[in-house]
Amino acid sequence: MSVDQWGDIVQDLGGDCATVHIVLASSSVDPHDYEPTSADAVVFDTAQLVVVNGADYDLWASDLASNAASSPAVVDAGRSSAPPRARIRACGIRRGM
């Protein structure tokens, strides 16, 4: 997760099958100005699924996801009119619909 607003939702959906890492867990950090660390890049590099707020709120997270070694599925919450292309299924990740 790029920001904590989505962390609870993803944890509820993934249950015991998900390990959720929230990069910005504090509301005192402005996601527009955030500069990701090398530790953040490692989290993205090992992710199977990345949820970003989108809508130009956390461009750094979209960039990290698109350059991640693991090529994670990305859910852009800002594109609410389109169904996500990734779903959590039975402790695994399945691409597509």
N, C-alpha and C. Protein backbone atom coordinates (compact mmCIF):
# COMPACT_ATOMS: atom_id res chain seq x y z
N MET A 1 0.83 -1.16 0.00
CA MET A 1 0.00 0.00 0.00
C MET A 1 0.88 1.23 0.00
N SER A 2 0.48 2.21 -0.76
CA SER A 2 1.24 3.45 -0.72
C SER A 2 0.83 4.26 0.51
N VAL A 3 -0.46 4.31 0.80
CA VAL A 3 -0.96 5.09 1.94
C VAL A 3 -1.86 4.23 2.81
N ASP A 4 -1.99 4.61 4.07
CA ASP A 4 -2.68 3.77 5.04
C ASP A 4 -4.18 3.64 4.83
N GLN A 5 -4.80 4.52 4.07
CA GLN A 5 -6.24 4.43 3.88
C GLN A 5 -6.66 3.11 3.25
N TRP A 6 -5.81 2.51 2.44
CA TRP A 6 -6.15 1.27 1.76
C TRP A 6 -5.68 0.03 2.52
N GLY A 7 -4.82 0.21 3.50
CA GLY A 7 -4.25 -0.92 4.23
C GLY A 7 -5.27 -1.82 4.90
N ASP A 8 -6.23 -1.23 5.61
CA ASP A 8 -7.26 -2.02 6.30
C ASP A 8 -8.12 -2.80 5.31
N ILE A 9 -8.46 -2.17 4.20
CA ILE A 9 -9.30 -2.83 3.21
C ILE A 9 -8.58 -4.04 2.63
N VAL A 10 -7.32 -3.85 2.26
CA VAL A 10 -6.55 -4.95 1.66
C VAL A 10 -6.32 -6.06 2.69
N GLN A 11 -6.06 -5.69 3.93
CA GLN A 11 -5.87 -6.71 4.96
C GLN A 11 -7.15 -7.51 5.17
N ASP A 12 -8.31 -6.84 5.16
CA ASP A 12 -9.59 -7.54 5.29
C ASP A 12 -9.82 -8.49 4.12
N LEU A 13 -9.51 -8.05 2.91
CA LEU A 13 -9.69 -8.90 1.73
C LEU A 13 -8.73 -10.08 1.73
N GLY A 14 -7.48 -9.83 2.10
CA GLY A 14 -6.48 -10.88 2.06
C GLY A 14 -6.47 -11.78 3.26
N GLY A 15 -6.98 -11.28 4.38
CA GLY A 15 -7.01 -12.07 5.61
C GLY A 15 -5.65 -12.61 5.99
N ASP A 16 -5.61 -13.86 6.42
CA ASP A 16 -4.36 -14.48 6.85
C ASP A 16 -3.40 -14.74 5.70
N CYS A 17 -3.91 -14.62 4.47
CA CYS A 17 -3.08 -14.89 3.28
C CYS A 17 -2.26 -13.67 2.86
N ALA A 18 -2.53 -12.52 3.45
CA ALA A 18 -1.88 -11.29 3.02
C ALA A 18 -0.95 -10.74 4.09
N THR A 19 0.18 -10.28 3.65
CA THR A 19 1.07 -9.49 4.49
C THR A 19 1.06 -8.09 3.89
N VAL A 20 0.53 -7.14 4.63
CA VAL A 20 0.35 -5.79 4.12
C VAL A 20 1.46 -4.89 4.64
N HIS A 21 2.11 -4.21 3.72
CA HIS A 21 3.14 -3.21 4.07
C HIS A 21 2.61 -1.86 3.63
N ILE A 22 2.53 -0.93 4.57
CA ILE A 22 2.06 0.42 4.28
C ILE A 22 3.28 1.34 4.31
N VAL A 23 3.53 2.02 3.21
CA VAL A 23 4.70 2.89 3.13
C VAL A 23 4.48 4.16 3.93
N LEU A 24 3.35 4.79 3.76
CA LEU A 24 3.05 6.03 4.49
C LEU A 24 1.96 5.76 5.51
N ALA A 25 2.36 5.38 6.70
CA ALA A 25 1.39 5.05 7.75
C ALA A 25 1.04 6.26 8.61
N SER A 26 1.60 7.40 8.29
CA SER A 26 1.34 8.61 9.08
C SER A 26 0.70 9.67 8.20
N SER A 27 -0.32 10.30 8.73
CA SER A 27 -0.98 11.37 7.97
C SER A 27 -0.18 12.67 7.99
N SER A 28 0.94 12.69 8.71
CA SER A 28 1.76 13.89 8.76
C SER A 28 2.68 14.02 7.55
N VAL A 29 2.73 12.98 6.71
CA VAL A 29 3.57 13.01 5.51
C VAL A 29 2.68 13.24 4.30
N ASP A 30 3.03 14.22 3.48
CA ASP A 30 2.27 14.53 2.28
C ASP A 30 2.69 13.59 1.15
N PRO A 31 1.80 12.72 0.68
CA PRO A 31 2.15 11.77 -0.38
C PRO A 31 2.63 12.44 -1.66
N HIS A 32 2.18 13.67 -1.92
CA HIS A 32 2.62 14.39 -3.11
C HIS A 32 4.11 14.70 -3.07
N ASP A 33 4.64 14.91 -1.88
CA ASP A 33 6.04 15.33 -1.72
C ASP A 33 6.96 14.21 -1.25
N TYR A 34 6.42 13.04 -1.01
CA TYR A 34 7.21 11.96 -0.43
C TYR A 34 8.30 11.49 -1.38
N GLU A 35 9.47 11.28 -0.84
CA GLU A 35 10.61 10.72 -1.58
C GLU A 35 10.85 9.31 -1.05
N PRO A 36 10.57 8.29 -1.85
CA PRO A 36 10.73 6.92 -1.36
C PRO A 36 12.18 6.59 -1.05
N THR A 37 12.36 5.70 -0.09
CA THR A 37 13.69 5.27 0.33
C THR A 37 14.06 3.97 -0.38
N SER A 38 15.29 3.56 -0.22
CA SER A 38 15.70 2.27 -0.80
C SER A 38 14.95 1.12 -0.12
N ALA A 39 14.61 1.28 1.15
CA ALA A 39 13.82 0.26 1.85
C ALA A 39 12.42 0.15 1.23
N ASP A 40 11.84 1.27 0.82
CA ASP A 40 10.54 1.25 0.14
C ASP A 40 10.64 0.48 -1.17
N ALA A 41 11.72 0.71 -1.90
CA ALA A 41 11.91 0.02 -3.18
C ALA A 41 11.99 -1.49 -2.98
N VAL A 42 12.63 -1.92 -1.90
CA VAL A 42 12.73 -3.36 -1.60
C VAL A 42 11.34 -3.95 -1.36
N VAL A 43 10.50 -3.23 -0.64
CA VAL A 43 9.13 -3.70 -0.38
C VAL A 43 8.39 -3.88 -1.71
N PHE A 44 8.50 -2.92 -2.60
CA PHE A 44 7.83 -3.02 -3.90
C PHE A 44 8.44 -4.13 -4.75
N ASP A 45 9.76 -4.30 -4.66
CA ASP A 45 10.45 -5.33 -5.45
C ASP A 45 10.01 -6.74 -5.11
N THR A 46 9.51 -6.94 -3.91
CA THR A 46 9.11 -8.28 -3.48
C THR A 46 7.58 -8.45 -3.45
N ALA A 47 6.85 -7.42 -3.83
CA ALA A 47 5.38 -7.46 -3.76
C ALA A 47 4.77 -8.29 -4.88
N GLN A 48 3.66 -8.93 -4.56
CA GLN A 48 2.85 -9.62 -5.57
C GLN A 48 1.71 -8.72 -6.04
N LEU A 49 1.27 -7.85 -5.15
CA LEU A 49 0.16 -6.94 -5.44
C LEU A 49 0.47 -5.59 -4.81
N VAL A 50 0.27 -4.52 -5.56
CA VAL A 50 0.46 -3.17 -5.05
C VAL A 50 -0.84 -2.41 -5.26
N VAL A 51 -1.32 -1.76 -4.20
CA VAL A 51 -2.50 -0.91 -4.30
C VAL A 51 -2.03 0.53 -4.13
N VAL A 52 -2.31 1.33 -5.15
CA VAL A 52 -1.96 2.75 -5.09
C VAL A 52 -3.24 3.56 -5.08
N ASN A 53 -3.18 4.74 -4.50
CA ASN A 53 -4.33 5.62 -4.50
C ASN A 53 -4.62 6.09 -5.92
N GLY A 54 -3.57 6.40 -6.66
CA GLY A 54 -3.73 6.87 -8.03
C GLY A 54 -4.19 8.32 -8.08
N ALA A 55 -4.73 8.72 -9.21
CA ALA A 55 -5.22 10.08 -9.42
C ALA A 55 -4.14 11.12 -9.10
N ASP A 56 -2.89 10.81 -9.45
CA ASP A 56 -1.73 11.69 -9.22
C ASP A 56 -1.46 11.99 -7.75
N TYR A 57 -1.98 11.16 -6.87
CA TYR A 57 -1.80 11.35 -5.42
C TYR A 57 -0.47 10.80 -4.95
N ASP A 58 -0.06 9.68 -5.51
CA ASP A 58 1.15 8.98 -5.09
C ASP A 58 1.91 8.45 -6.30
N LEU A 59 2.31 9.35 -7.18
CA LEU A 59 3.01 8.96 -8.41
C LEU A 59 4.26 8.14 -8.13
N TRP A 60 4.92 8.43 -7.02
CA TRP A 60 6.13 7.69 -6.65
C TRP A 60 5.83 6.21 -6.47
N ALA A 61 4.64 5.89 -5.93
CA ALA A 61 4.27 4.49 -5.71
C ALA A 61 4.01 3.79 -7.04
N SER A 62 3.35 4.47 -7.96
CA SER A 62 3.13 3.89 -9.28
C SER A 62 4.45 3.66 -10.00
N ASP A 63 5.38 4.59 -9.84
CA ASP A 63 6.71 4.43 -10.45
C ASP A 63 7.46 3.24 -9.85
N LEU A 64 7.43 3.12 -8.52
CA LEU A 64 8.10 1.98 -7.88
C LEU A 64 7.47 0.67 -8.33
N ALA A 65 6.16 0.63 -8.43
CA ALA A 65 5.48 -0.60 -8.84
C ALA A 65 5.83 -0.97 -10.27
N SER A 66 5.88 0.02 -11.16
CA SER A 66 6.16 -0.28 -12.57
C SER A 66 7.60 -0.71 -12.79
N ASN A 67 8.50 -0.35 -11.87
CA ASN A 67 9.90 -0.73 -11.99
C ASN A 67 10.31 -1.88 -11.06
N ALA A 68 9.34 -2.45 -10.35
CA ALA A 68 9.64 -3.50 -9.37
C ALA A 68 10.10 -4.79 -10.04
N ALA A 69 11.08 -5.42 -9.44
CA ALA A 69 11.63 -6.67 -9.98
C ALA A 69 10.59 -7.78 -10.04
N SER A 70 9.63 -7.76 -9.13
CA SER A 70 8.63 -8.83 -9.07
C SER A 70 7.47 -8.64 -10.05
N SER A 71 7.44 -7.50 -10.76
CA SER A 71 6.34 -7.19 -11.68
C SER A 71 4.98 -7.43 -11.04
N PRO A 72 4.71 -6.75 -9.91
CA PRO A 72 3.46 -7.01 -9.20
C PRO A 72 2.24 -6.54 -9.98
N ALA A 73 1.11 -7.16 -9.70
CA ALA A 73 -0.16 -6.66 -10.20
C ALA A 73 -0.42 -5.35 -9.47
N VAL A 74 -0.99 -4.36 -10.15
CA VAL A 74 -1.23 -3.05 -9.55
C VAL A 74 -2.70 -2.73 -9.62
N VAL A 75 -3.27 -2.36 -8.47
CA VAL A 75 -4.64 -1.87 -8.40
C VAL A 75 -4.56 -0.37 -8.15
N ASP A 76 -5.12 0.39 -9.08
CA ASP A 76 -5.15 1.85 -8.98
C ASP A 76 -6.54 2.24 -8.47
N ALA A 77 -6.64 2.57 -7.19
CA ALA A 77 -7.93 2.88 -6.58
C ALA A 77 -8.58 4.13 -7.17
N GLY A 78 -7.78 5.01 -7.76
CA GLY A 78 -8.32 6.22 -8.37
C GLY A 78 -9.09 5.96 -9.65
N ARG A 79 -8.96 4.76 -10.19
CA ARG A 79 -9.69 4.40 -11.41
C ARG A 79 -10.89 3.55 -11.03
N SER A 80 -11.78 4.11 -10.21
CA SER A 80 -12.89 3.34 -9.65
C SER A 80 -13.91 2.92 -10.69
N SER A 81 -13.93 3.55 -11.86
CA SER A 81 -14.92 3.17 -12.86
C SER A 81 -14.54 1.88 -13.58
N ALA A 82 -13.28 1.49 -13.50
CA ALA A 82 -12.83 0.26 -14.15
C ALA A 82 -12.57 -0.80 -13.09
N PRO A 83 -12.97 -2.04 -13.33
CA PRO A 83 -12.70 -3.08 -12.33
C PRO A 83 -11.21 -3.35 -12.24
N PRO A 84 -10.70 -3.67 -11.05
CA PRO A 84 -9.27 -3.95 -10.91
C PRO A 84 -8.89 -5.17 -11.71
N ARG A 85 -7.67 -5.18 -12.21
CA ARG A 85 -7.19 -6.31 -13.01
C ARG A 85 -6.49 -7.35 -12.16
N ALA A 86 -6.49 -7.14 -10.88
CA ALA A 86 -5.88 -8.13 -9.99
C ALA A 86 -6.85 -8.43 -8.86
N ARG A 87 -6.93 -9.67 -8.47
CA ARG A 87 -7.78 -10.07 -7.36
C ARG A 87 -7.00 -11.01 -6.46
N ILE A 88 -7.30 -10.92 -5.20
CA ILE A 88 -6.71 -11.84 -4.25
C ILE A 88 -7.58 -13.09 -4.22
N ARG A 89 -6.98 -14.23 -4.45
CA ARG A 89 -7.74 -15.49 -4.48
C ARG A 89 -7.02 -16.56 -3.68
N ALA A 90 -7.65 -17.06 -2.67
CA ALA A 90 -7.18 -18.23 -1.92
C ALA A 90 -5.68 -18.20 -1.68
N CYS A 91 -5.21 -17.16 -1.04
CA CYS A 91 -3.80 -17.03 -0.67
C CYS A 91 -2.87 -16.91 -1.87
N GLY A 92 -3.36 -16.48 -2.99
CA GLY A 92 -2.52 -16.29 -4.16
C GLY A 92 -2.98 -15.09 -4.95
N ILE A 93 -2.22 -14.76 -5.94
CA ILE A 93 -2.54 -13.64 -6.80
C ILE A 93 -2.84 -14.19 -8.19
N ARG A 94 -3.90 -13.73 -8.76
CA ARG A 94 -4.22 -14.14 -10.12
C ARG A 94 -4.35 -12.87 -10.96
N ARG A 95 -3.67 -12.83 -12.08
CA ARG A 95 -3.74 -11.68 -12.95
C ARG A 95 -4.96 -11.80 -13.85
N GLY A 96 -5.52 -10.66 -14.20
CA GLY A 96 -6.64 -10.65 -15.11
C GLY A 96 -7.97 -10.76 -14.40
N MET A 97 -9.01 -10.83 -15.15
CA MET A 97 -10.35 -10.91 -14.59
C MET A 97 -10.88 -12.30 -14.66
